[in-house]
N, C-alpha and C. Protein backbone atom coordinates (compact mmCIF):
# COMPACT_ATOMS: atom_id res chain seq x y z
N MET A 1 49.71 61.48 79.46
CA MET A 1 50.79 62.41 79.10
C MET A 1 51.08 62.37 77.60
N LYS A 2 51.11 61.13 77.08
CA LYS A 2 51.38 60.97 75.65
C LYS A 2 50.28 61.63 74.82
N ARG A 3 49.03 61.49 75.31
CA ARG A 3 47.89 62.08 74.59
C ARG A 3 48.00 63.60 74.56
N ILE A 4 48.41 64.19 75.70
CA ILE A 4 48.57 65.65 75.79
C ILE A 4 49.66 66.11 74.83
N LEU A 5 50.77 65.36 74.77
CA LEU A 5 51.87 65.70 73.86
C LEU A 5 51.40 65.68 72.41
N TRP A 6 50.63 64.64 72.03
CA TRP A 6 50.13 64.56 70.65
C TRP A 6 49.15 65.69 70.34
N MET A 7 48.34 66.06 71.36
CA MET A 7 47.40 67.18 71.16
C MET A 7 48.18 68.47 70.92
N PHE A 8 49.28 68.66 71.68
CA PHE A 8 50.12 69.85 71.50
C PHE A 8 50.74 69.89 70.11
N ILE A 9 51.30 68.75 69.67
CA ILE A 9 51.92 68.67 68.33
C ILE A 9 50.89 68.94 67.25
N ALA A 10 49.70 68.37 67.41
CA ALA A 10 48.63 68.56 66.42
C ALA A 10 48.20 70.01 66.35
N THR A 11 48.14 70.66 67.53
CA THR A 11 47.74 72.07 67.57
C THR A 11 48.77 72.95 66.88
N VAL A 12 50.06 72.72 67.18
CA VAL A 12 51.14 73.50 66.56
C VAL A 12 51.19 73.24 65.06
N ALA A 13 51.09 71.99 64.67
CA ALA A 13 51.14 71.64 63.25
C ALA A 13 49.94 72.23 62.51
N GLY A 14 48.80 72.25 63.20
CA GLY A 14 47.60 72.80 62.56
C GLY A 14 47.64 74.31 62.47
N ALA A 15 48.31 74.95 63.44
CA ALA A 15 48.34 76.42 63.45
C ALA A 15 49.32 76.98 62.45
N ALA A 16 50.42 76.26 62.20
CA ALA A 16 51.46 76.77 61.31
C ALA A 16 50.96 77.07 59.91
N PRO A 17 50.23 76.15 59.24
CA PRO A 17 49.78 76.46 57.90
C PRO A 17 48.82 77.63 57.85
N ALA A 18 48.01 77.83 58.91
CA ALA A 18 47.05 78.93 58.90
C ALA A 18 47.76 80.26 58.84
N SER A 19 48.84 80.45 59.64
CA SER A 19 49.54 81.72 59.62
C SER A 19 50.35 81.87 58.34
N ALA A 20 50.89 80.75 57.85
CA ALA A 20 51.70 80.81 56.64
C ALA A 20 50.84 81.04 55.40
N GLN A 21 49.56 80.64 55.50
CA GLN A 21 48.69 80.76 54.34
C GLN A 21 47.65 81.85 54.52
N ALA A 22 48.00 82.91 55.28
CA ALA A 22 47.07 84.01 55.49
C ALA A 22 46.70 84.66 54.17
N LYS A 23 45.45 85.07 54.07
CA LYS A 23 45.00 85.80 52.89
C LYS A 23 44.56 87.20 53.31
N TRP A 24 44.71 88.14 52.43
CA TRP A 24 44.35 89.52 52.73
C TRP A 24 42.94 89.81 52.23
N GLU A 25 42.14 90.38 53.11
CA GLU A 25 40.80 90.83 52.73
C GLU A 25 40.82 92.35 52.71
N PRO A 26 41.06 92.96 51.54
CA PRO A 26 41.17 94.43 51.46
C PRO A 26 39.89 95.12 51.90
N ASN A 27 40.07 96.29 52.49
CA ASN A 27 38.97 97.19 52.83
C ASN A 27 38.01 96.61 53.86
N LYS A 28 38.45 95.65 54.65
CA LYS A 28 37.62 95.09 55.72
C LYS A 28 38.04 95.79 57.02
N PHE A 29 37.39 96.93 57.29
CA PHE A 29 37.77 97.75 58.43
C PHE A 29 37.23 97.19 59.74
N LYS A 30 37.94 97.56 60.82
CA LYS A 30 37.50 97.21 62.17
C LYS A 30 37.06 98.51 62.86
N ASP A 31 36.35 98.37 63.97
CA ASP A 31 35.98 99.55 64.75
C ASP A 31 37.20 100.14 65.43
N ASN A 32 37.16 101.44 65.60
CA ASN A 32 38.18 102.16 66.36
C ASN A 32 39.60 101.91 65.85
N GLU A 33 39.85 102.32 64.63
CA GLU A 33 41.20 102.28 64.08
C GLU A 33 41.43 103.51 63.22
N ARG A 34 42.70 103.93 63.16
CA ARG A 34 43.06 105.13 62.41
C ARG A 34 44.33 104.87 61.60
N TYR A 35 44.26 105.16 60.31
CA TYR A 35 45.40 105.03 59.40
C TYR A 35 45.84 106.43 58.97
N GLU A 36 47.14 106.67 58.98
CA GLU A 36 47.66 107.92 58.40
C GLU A 36 48.76 107.59 57.41
N TYR A 37 48.65 108.17 56.21
CA TYR A 37 49.59 107.90 55.12
C TYR A 37 50.30 109.16 54.65
N LYS A 38 51.52 108.95 54.16
CA LYS A 38 52.23 110.01 53.44
C LYS A 38 52.14 109.65 51.97
N ILE A 39 51.65 110.59 51.16
CA ILE A 39 51.52 110.38 49.72
C ILE A 39 52.53 111.25 49.00
N ALA A 40 53.28 110.66 48.09
CA ALA A 40 54.23 111.42 47.26
C ALA A 40 53.69 111.43 45.84
N LEU A 41 53.33 112.61 45.36
CA LEU A 41 52.78 112.76 44.01
C LEU A 41 53.78 113.48 43.13
N PRO A 42 53.90 113.06 41.87
CA PRO A 42 54.85 113.73 40.98
C PRO A 42 54.43 115.17 40.71
N GLN A 43 55.40 116.06 40.75
CA GLN A 43 55.13 117.48 40.47
C GLN A 43 56.41 118.11 39.97
N ASP A 44 56.47 118.35 38.68
CA ASP A 44 57.67 118.90 38.04
C ASP A 44 58.88 118.01 38.34
N GLU A 45 59.91 118.58 38.94
CA GLU A 45 61.15 117.85 39.17
C GLU A 45 61.14 117.03 40.45
N LYS A 46 60.29 117.43 41.42
CA LYS A 46 60.27 116.69 42.68
C LYS A 46 58.83 116.34 43.06
N ALA A 47 58.71 115.38 43.98
CA ALA A 47 57.38 114.91 44.38
C ALA A 47 56.78 115.86 45.41
N LYS A 48 55.48 116.06 45.28
CA LYS A 48 54.73 116.83 46.26
C LYS A 48 54.23 115.87 47.33
N GLU A 49 54.42 116.22 48.59
CA GLU A 49 53.99 115.35 49.68
C GLU A 49 52.71 115.87 50.31
N LEU A 50 51.81 114.96 50.59
CA LEU A 50 50.64 115.29 51.37
C LEU A 50 50.31 114.12 52.27
N PHE A 51 49.50 114.37 53.27
CA PHE A 51 49.15 113.33 54.24
C PHE A 51 47.65 113.10 54.21
N TYR A 52 47.31 111.82 54.33
CA TYR A 52 45.90 111.43 54.29
C TYR A 52 45.63 110.50 55.47
N ALA A 53 44.56 110.78 56.20
CA ALA A 53 44.20 109.93 57.35
C ALA A 53 42.75 109.52 57.25
N VAL A 54 42.46 108.27 57.62
CA VAL A 54 41.09 107.78 57.68
C VAL A 54 40.90 107.10 59.04
N GLU A 55 39.76 107.40 59.67
CA GLU A 55 39.50 106.88 61.01
C GLU A 55 38.08 106.32 61.10
N VAL A 56 37.96 105.17 61.75
CA VAL A 56 36.66 104.53 61.96
C VAL A 56 36.44 104.40 63.46
N LYS A 57 35.31 104.95 63.95
CA LYS A 57 35.01 104.90 65.38
C LYS A 57 33.65 104.26 65.61
N SER A 58 33.56 103.46 66.64
CA SER A 58 32.29 102.87 67.02
C SER A 58 31.44 103.93 67.70
N THR A 59 30.16 104.00 67.37
CA THR A 59 29.27 104.97 67.99
C THR A 59 28.45 104.36 69.12
N GLY A 60 28.38 103.02 69.14
CA GLY A 60 27.54 102.36 70.13
C GLY A 60 26.06 102.44 69.79
N LYS A 61 25.76 102.93 68.59
CA LYS A 61 24.36 103.07 68.16
C LYS A 61 24.05 102.12 67.01
N LYS A 62 22.75 101.91 66.78
CA LYS A 62 22.30 101.07 65.68
C LYS A 62 21.20 101.79 64.90
N ASP A 63 21.05 101.42 63.62
CA ASP A 63 19.98 102.01 62.83
C ASP A 63 18.67 101.26 63.08
N GLU A 64 17.61 101.63 62.32
CA GLU A 64 16.28 101.04 62.52
C GLU A 64 16.26 99.53 62.33
N SER A 65 17.14 99.04 61.46
CA SER A 65 17.18 97.59 61.19
C SER A 65 18.06 96.83 62.17
N GLY A 66 18.73 97.57 63.07
CA GLY A 66 19.58 96.91 64.06
C GLY A 66 21.04 96.83 63.69
N GLU A 67 21.40 97.41 62.52
CA GLU A 67 22.82 97.37 62.11
C GLU A 67 23.62 98.43 62.86
N GLU A 68 24.81 98.04 63.29
CA GLU A 68 25.67 98.94 64.05
C GLU A 68 26.10 100.12 63.19
N LEU A 69 26.15 101.30 63.80
CA LEU A 69 26.58 102.52 63.11
C LEU A 69 27.98 102.89 63.57
N VAL A 70 28.82 103.28 62.62
CA VAL A 70 30.18 103.74 62.93
C VAL A 70 30.37 105.15 62.39
N GLU A 71 31.30 105.86 63.01
CA GLU A 71 31.64 107.21 62.54
C GLU A 71 32.89 107.12 61.68
N LEU A 72 32.79 107.63 60.46
CA LEU A 72 33.91 107.60 59.52
C LEU A 72 34.38 109.03 59.28
N SER A 73 35.67 109.26 59.44
CA SER A 73 36.21 110.60 59.14
C SER A 73 37.53 110.45 58.39
N TYR A 74 37.81 111.40 57.54
CA TYR A 74 39.09 111.40 56.84
C TYR A 74 39.56 112.83 56.67
N THR A 75 40.87 112.99 56.69
CA THR A 75 41.46 114.32 56.56
C THR A 75 42.65 114.26 55.62
N THR A 76 42.92 115.39 54.98
CA THR A 76 44.12 115.52 54.18
C THR A 76 44.89 116.73 54.70
N ARG A 77 46.22 116.66 54.60
CA ARG A 77 47.07 117.72 55.10
C ARG A 77 48.20 117.95 54.11
N SER A 78 48.45 119.20 53.79
CA SER A 78 49.50 119.51 52.84
C SER A 78 50.07 120.89 53.15
N THR A 79 51.28 121.13 52.70
CA THR A 79 51.89 122.45 52.82
C THR A 79 51.79 123.13 51.46
N VAL A 80 51.20 124.34 51.44
CA VAL A 80 51.04 125.08 50.19
C VAL A 80 51.58 126.51 50.36
N LYS A 81 51.87 127.14 49.23
CA LYS A 81 52.28 128.54 49.26
C LYS A 81 51.08 129.40 49.66
N LYS A 82 51.33 130.48 50.37
CA LYS A 82 50.24 131.35 50.82
C LYS A 82 49.45 131.87 49.64
N SER A 83 50.15 132.12 48.52
CA SER A 83 49.48 132.65 47.33
C SER A 83 48.52 131.63 46.69
N GLU A 84 48.69 130.33 47.05
CA GLU A 84 47.83 129.29 46.49
C GLU A 84 46.55 129.09 47.28
N LEU A 85 46.45 129.73 48.46
CA LEU A 85 45.25 129.59 49.28
C LEU A 85 44.05 130.17 48.55
N GLY A 86 42.96 129.45 48.61
CA GLY A 86 41.74 129.91 47.96
C GLY A 86 40.67 128.84 48.06
N GLU A 87 39.60 129.02 47.29
CA GLU A 87 38.48 128.08 47.36
C GLU A 87 38.90 126.66 47.01
N ARG A 88 39.73 126.52 45.99
CA ARG A 88 40.13 125.18 45.51
C ARG A 88 40.88 124.41 46.59
N THR A 89 41.84 125.08 47.25
CA THR A 89 42.63 124.39 48.27
C THR A 89 41.91 124.30 49.60
N ALA A 90 41.16 125.35 49.96
CA ALA A 90 40.48 125.37 51.26
C ALA A 90 39.40 124.30 51.38
N PHE A 91 38.76 123.96 50.25
CA PHE A 91 37.69 122.98 50.29
C PHE A 91 38.10 121.62 49.72
N GLY A 92 39.39 121.36 49.74
CA GLY A 92 39.85 120.02 49.40
C GLY A 92 39.86 119.70 47.92
N GLY A 93 40.03 120.67 47.07
CA GLY A 93 40.07 120.40 45.63
C GLY A 93 41.44 119.96 45.18
N GLY A 94 41.52 119.50 43.96
CA GLY A 94 42.80 119.13 43.34
C GLY A 94 43.51 118.04 44.09
N GLU A 95 44.77 118.28 44.40
CA GLU A 95 45.61 117.25 45.02
C GLU A 95 45.14 116.88 46.42
N MET A 96 44.35 117.74 47.05
CA MET A 96 43.91 117.47 48.41
C MET A 96 42.67 116.57 48.46
N ALA A 97 42.06 116.32 47.31
CA ALA A 97 40.83 115.53 47.29
C ALA A 97 41.09 114.10 47.72
N GLY A 98 40.08 113.48 48.31
CA GLY A 98 40.21 112.11 48.79
C GLY A 98 40.53 111.12 47.69
N TYR A 99 40.10 111.41 46.45
CA TYR A 99 40.36 110.46 45.37
C TYR A 99 41.85 110.30 45.11
N SER A 100 42.64 111.29 45.49
CA SER A 100 44.09 111.17 45.32
C SER A 100 44.62 109.97 46.11
N ALA A 101 44.07 109.79 47.32
CA ALA A 101 44.51 108.67 48.15
C ALA A 101 44.09 107.35 47.54
N MET A 102 42.85 107.28 47.08
CA MET A 102 42.36 106.04 46.48
C MET A 102 43.16 105.71 45.22
N TRP A 103 43.45 106.73 44.44
CA TRP A 103 44.21 106.56 43.20
C TRP A 103 45.63 106.10 43.50
N ALA A 104 46.24 106.71 44.52
CA ALA A 104 47.62 106.35 44.86
C ALA A 104 47.71 104.95 45.46
N MET A 105 46.68 104.56 46.21
CA MET A 105 46.72 103.25 46.87
C MET A 105 46.51 102.11 45.87
N SER A 106 45.58 102.29 44.96
CA SER A 106 45.36 101.35 43.85
C SER A 106 45.06 99.91 44.26
N SER A 107 44.56 99.71 45.46
CA SER A 107 44.25 98.34 45.85
C SER A 107 42.82 97.96 45.46
N ALA A 108 41.96 98.97 45.33
CA ALA A 108 40.54 98.69 45.06
C ALA A 108 40.35 97.88 43.78
N MET A 109 41.06 98.27 42.72
CA MET A 109 40.87 97.59 41.44
C MET A 109 41.46 96.17 41.42
N TYR A 110 42.35 95.87 42.38
CA TYR A 110 42.96 94.54 42.43
C TYR A 110 42.50 93.72 43.63
N ALA A 111 41.52 94.24 44.37
CA ALA A 111 41.07 93.59 45.60
C ALA A 111 40.67 92.14 45.39
N ALA A 112 39.94 91.88 44.31
CA ALA A 112 39.46 90.52 44.05
C ALA A 112 40.62 89.55 43.86
N TYR A 113 41.71 90.01 43.26
CA TYR A 113 42.85 89.13 43.03
C TYR A 113 43.57 88.79 44.32
N PHE A 114 43.67 89.77 45.23
CA PHE A 114 44.37 89.53 46.49
C PHE A 114 43.67 88.45 47.33
N LYS A 115 42.37 88.33 47.18
CA LYS A 115 41.63 87.33 47.95
C LYS A 115 42.04 85.91 47.58
N ASP A 116 42.64 85.74 46.39
CA ASP A 116 43.08 84.41 45.94
C ASP A 116 44.57 84.19 46.14
N LEU A 117 45.28 85.20 46.65
CA LEU A 117 46.73 85.11 46.79
C LEU A 117 47.11 84.76 48.22
N GLU A 118 47.85 83.67 48.39
CA GLU A 118 48.36 83.29 49.71
C GLU A 118 49.47 84.24 50.10
N MET A 119 49.41 84.78 51.32
CA MET A 119 50.46 85.68 51.80
C MET A 119 51.61 84.86 52.34
N LYS A 120 52.44 84.39 51.42
CA LYS A 120 53.58 83.55 51.75
C LYS A 120 54.65 83.82 50.70
N GLU A 121 55.89 84.01 51.14
CA GLU A 121 56.98 84.29 50.20
C GLU A 121 57.06 83.22 49.13
N GLY A 122 57.19 83.66 47.88
CA GLY A 122 57.31 82.73 46.76
C GLY A 122 55.99 82.45 46.06
N GLU A 123 54.86 82.83 46.67
CA GLU A 123 53.56 82.60 46.04
C GLU A 123 53.38 83.55 44.86
N LYS A 124 52.64 83.10 43.84
CA LYS A 124 52.33 83.97 42.70
C LYS A 124 50.97 83.60 42.13
N LEU A 125 50.37 84.56 41.44
CA LEU A 125 49.04 84.39 40.89
C LEU A 125 48.98 85.04 39.51
N SER A 126 48.54 84.28 38.52
CA SER A 126 48.39 84.82 37.17
C SER A 126 47.07 85.58 37.08
N LEU A 127 47.09 86.78 36.49
CA LEU A 127 45.91 87.63 36.44
C LEU A 127 45.29 87.68 35.05
N PHE A 128 45.20 86.54 34.39
CA PHE A 128 44.47 86.39 33.13
C PHE A 128 44.78 87.48 32.11
N GLY A 129 46.03 87.55 31.70
CA GLY A 129 46.44 88.50 30.67
C GLY A 129 46.85 89.86 31.19
N MET A 130 46.52 90.17 32.46
CA MET A 130 46.89 91.47 33.04
C MET A 130 48.32 91.45 33.57
N GLY A 131 48.79 90.24 33.93
CA GLY A 131 50.12 90.14 34.48
C GLY A 131 50.20 89.07 35.55
N THR A 132 51.20 89.18 36.40
CA THR A 132 51.42 88.22 37.48
C THR A 132 51.64 88.95 38.79
N LEU A 133 50.97 88.49 39.83
CA LEU A 133 51.11 89.04 41.17
C LEU A 133 51.99 88.09 41.97
N LYS A 134 53.09 88.61 42.53
CA LYS A 134 54.05 87.76 43.24
C LYS A 134 54.31 88.28 44.64
N VAL A 135 54.45 87.36 45.60
CA VAL A 135 54.86 87.70 46.96
C VAL A 135 56.36 87.48 47.01
N THR A 136 57.12 88.57 47.16
CA THR A 136 58.58 88.47 47.00
C THR A 136 59.39 88.58 48.28
N GLY A 137 58.77 88.97 49.38
CA GLY A 137 59.54 89.10 50.62
C GLY A 137 58.71 89.70 51.73
N LYS A 138 59.40 90.14 52.79
CA LYS A 138 58.74 90.75 53.94
C LYS A 138 59.35 92.10 54.23
N VAL A 139 58.58 92.94 54.95
CA VAL A 139 59.04 94.29 55.27
C VAL A 139 58.35 94.76 56.54
N LYS A 140 58.95 95.72 57.23
CA LYS A 140 58.33 96.31 58.42
C LYS A 140 58.11 97.80 58.14
N ILE A 141 56.87 98.26 58.28
CA ILE A 141 56.52 99.66 58.05
C ILE A 141 55.60 100.12 59.17
N ALA A 142 55.91 101.24 59.77
CA ALA A 142 55.11 101.82 60.86
C ALA A 142 54.83 100.78 61.95
N ASP A 143 55.87 100.02 62.30
CA ASP A 143 55.78 98.98 63.33
C ASP A 143 54.83 97.85 62.99
N ARG A 144 54.53 97.66 61.70
CA ARG A 144 53.68 96.56 61.27
C ARG A 144 54.49 95.68 60.31
N ASP A 145 54.30 94.37 60.41
CA ASP A 145 54.97 93.44 59.51
C ASP A 145 54.09 93.19 58.29
N GLY A 146 54.71 93.23 57.12
CA GLY A 146 53.94 93.01 55.90
C GLY A 146 54.68 92.18 54.87
N PHE A 147 53.93 91.74 53.87
CA PHE A 147 54.48 91.00 52.75
C PHE A 147 54.61 91.93 51.56
N ILE A 148 55.72 91.83 50.84
CA ILE A 148 55.92 92.63 49.62
C ILE A 148 55.26 91.89 48.46
N CYS A 149 54.29 92.54 47.83
CA CYS A 149 53.57 91.95 46.69
C CYS A 149 53.80 92.83 45.47
N LYS A 150 54.21 92.22 44.38
CA LYS A 150 54.53 92.99 43.17
C LYS A 150 53.68 92.52 41.99
N LEU A 151 53.16 93.49 41.26
CA LEU A 151 52.41 93.20 40.05
C LEU A 151 53.32 93.45 38.85
N PHE A 152 53.56 92.39 38.08
CA PHE A 152 54.38 92.48 36.88
C PHE A 152 53.47 92.37 35.66
N THR A 153 53.68 93.24 34.67
CA THR A 153 52.93 93.16 33.42
C THR A 153 53.92 92.95 32.27
N LYS A 154 53.41 92.44 31.16
CA LYS A 154 54.27 92.20 30.00
C LYS A 154 53.99 93.20 28.90
N LYS A 155 55.06 93.63 28.24
CA LYS A 155 54.96 94.54 27.12
C LYS A 155 56.08 94.17 26.16
N ASP A 156 55.70 93.80 24.93
CA ASP A 156 56.69 93.37 23.92
C ASP A 156 57.56 92.24 24.47
N ASP A 157 56.91 91.26 25.10
CA ASP A 157 57.58 90.08 25.67
C ASP A 157 58.59 90.40 26.77
N LYS A 158 58.52 91.62 27.30
CA LYS A 158 59.40 91.98 28.40
C LYS A 158 58.55 92.26 29.64
N GLU A 159 59.01 91.77 30.81
CA GLU A 159 58.25 91.92 32.04
C GLU A 159 58.62 93.22 32.75
N PHE A 160 57.61 93.96 33.19
CA PHE A 160 57.82 95.23 33.89
C PHE A 160 57.13 95.20 35.24
N LEU A 161 57.77 95.81 36.24
CA LEU A 161 57.13 95.99 37.53
C LEU A 161 56.21 97.19 37.42
N GLN A 162 54.91 96.98 37.64
CA GLN A 162 53.94 98.07 37.51
C GLN A 162 53.57 98.66 38.87
N ILE A 163 53.22 97.80 39.83
CA ILE A 163 52.83 98.27 41.16
C ILE A 163 53.43 97.35 42.22
N GLU A 164 53.81 97.96 43.34
CA GLU A 164 54.31 97.19 44.48
C GLU A 164 53.50 97.58 45.72
N TRP A 165 53.06 96.57 46.45
CA TRP A 165 52.34 96.81 47.70
C TRP A 165 53.10 96.16 48.84
N ALA A 166 52.93 96.70 50.04
CA ALA A 166 53.33 96.01 51.27
C ALA A 166 52.02 95.73 51.99
N ILE A 167 51.76 94.45 52.27
CA ILE A 167 50.46 94.04 52.80
C ILE A 167 50.60 93.38 54.17
N ASP A 168 49.87 93.91 55.13
CA ASP A 168 49.69 93.24 56.42
C ASP A 168 48.29 92.63 56.36
N PRO A 169 48.18 91.30 56.34
CA PRO A 169 46.85 90.68 56.20
C PRO A 169 45.87 91.06 57.30
N GLY A 170 46.38 91.59 58.42
CA GLY A 170 45.51 91.98 59.52
C GLY A 170 44.89 93.36 59.39
N LEU A 171 45.30 94.12 58.36
CA LEU A 171 44.78 95.48 58.17
C LEU A 171 43.93 95.58 56.90
N ALA A 172 43.04 96.56 56.89
CA ALA A 172 42.13 96.74 55.75
C ALA A 172 42.82 97.40 54.55
N LEU A 173 43.86 98.18 54.82
CA LEU A 173 44.55 98.93 53.76
C LEU A 173 46.01 98.52 53.69
N PRO A 174 46.66 98.72 52.53
CA PRO A 174 48.08 98.36 52.40
C PRO A 174 48.97 99.21 53.31
N LEU A 175 50.12 98.67 53.68
CA LEU A 175 51.11 99.45 54.41
C LEU A 175 51.78 100.45 53.46
N LYS A 176 51.89 100.04 52.20
CA LYS A 176 52.55 100.89 51.21
C LYS A 176 52.12 100.49 49.82
N THR A 177 52.05 101.47 48.93
CA THR A 177 51.79 101.22 47.52
C THR A 177 52.72 102.11 46.70
N VAL A 178 53.38 101.53 45.71
CA VAL A 178 54.27 102.30 44.83
C VAL A 178 53.92 101.96 43.38
N TRP A 179 53.66 102.98 42.57
CA TRP A 179 53.47 102.81 41.13
C TRP A 179 54.82 103.05 40.45
N TYR A 180 55.11 102.30 39.38
CA TYR A 180 56.39 102.44 38.68
C TYR A 180 56.19 102.82 37.22
N GLU A 181 57.17 103.55 36.72
CA GLU A 181 57.25 103.84 35.28
C GLU A 181 57.76 102.58 34.58
N ASP A 182 57.67 102.54 33.24
CA ASP A 182 58.18 101.39 32.48
C ASP A 182 59.69 101.20 32.64
N ASP A 183 60.40 102.31 32.97
CA ASP A 183 61.85 102.20 33.13
C ASP A 183 62.25 101.76 34.55
N GLY A 184 61.25 101.45 35.39
CA GLY A 184 61.54 100.97 36.73
C GLY A 184 61.64 102.04 37.80
N LYS A 185 61.48 103.32 37.42
CA LYS A 185 61.56 104.40 38.40
C LYS A 185 60.21 104.57 39.09
N PRO A 186 60.21 104.83 40.41
CA PRO A 186 58.94 105.06 41.12
C PRO A 186 58.22 106.29 40.56
N LYS A 187 56.91 106.16 40.39
CA LYS A 187 56.11 107.26 39.85
C LYS A 187 55.41 108.02 40.97
N HIS A 188 54.64 107.34 41.78
CA HIS A 188 54.05 107.93 42.98
C HIS A 188 53.86 106.83 44.02
N SER A 189 53.75 107.27 45.26
CA SER A 189 53.68 106.27 46.33
C SER A 189 52.82 106.76 47.49
N MET A 190 52.43 105.79 48.32
CA MET A 190 51.63 106.07 49.50
C MET A 190 52.11 105.12 50.59
N GLU A 191 52.54 105.66 51.72
CA GLU A 191 53.12 104.81 52.78
C GLU A 191 52.52 105.12 54.14
N LEU A 192 52.18 104.08 54.88
CA LEU A 192 51.62 104.24 56.21
C LEU A 192 52.67 104.83 57.16
N VAL A 193 52.31 105.89 57.86
CA VAL A 193 53.24 106.46 58.84
C VAL A 193 52.74 106.20 60.26
N SER A 194 51.44 105.88 60.38
CA SER A 194 50.89 105.62 61.71
C SER A 194 49.62 104.79 61.62
N TYR A 195 49.53 103.77 62.47
CA TYR A 195 48.30 103.00 62.61
C TYR A 195 47.98 102.92 64.10
N LYS A 196 46.76 103.30 64.47
CA LYS A 196 46.39 103.30 65.88
C LYS A 196 45.01 102.70 66.08
N LYS A 197 44.87 102.03 67.20
CA LYS A 197 43.55 101.57 67.66
C LYS A 197 43.30 102.27 68.99
N PRO A 198 42.67 103.46 68.94
CA PRO A 198 42.48 104.27 70.16
C PRO A 198 41.73 103.50 71.24
């Protein structure tokens, strides 16, 4: 009985640091999952909203070398004036292009740094002259729990919040990304509105 009790304590004690020290592996997708985001882009006095979705489905097939094949699809959705309809909007040009989502998310350029950051409140990582990445708290978005990660940069010896992410270490993409102006006002953002595993 005593041995079983010690095994239980050892298991619990061993499991706690693993969850507390989770690391995020950006862009590591799983089969059969769908992300949908709302993107707010600056446009004159108010932000323009559009929606971006990416879905990965298992095909059950393999290529000649034996590697599994998956089906990847992505869509963008926006409301436009009827007078704006044309070749540019119909074929995904301008704000509807997929690069808008990648640009708004901004995790790709910082992916390598996140791999070294422990997802635990109070953790921070110096980015060799680029700034400091800090885990400042927790948040719930689209029924997912995430850590708030903020990138601070220095300018004239003053620290500025440049980008804020909400990260769920179990997902390939951020729950939310917000870019900030030097005065602290949000510039553009991208937030998860739905995550599904069909």
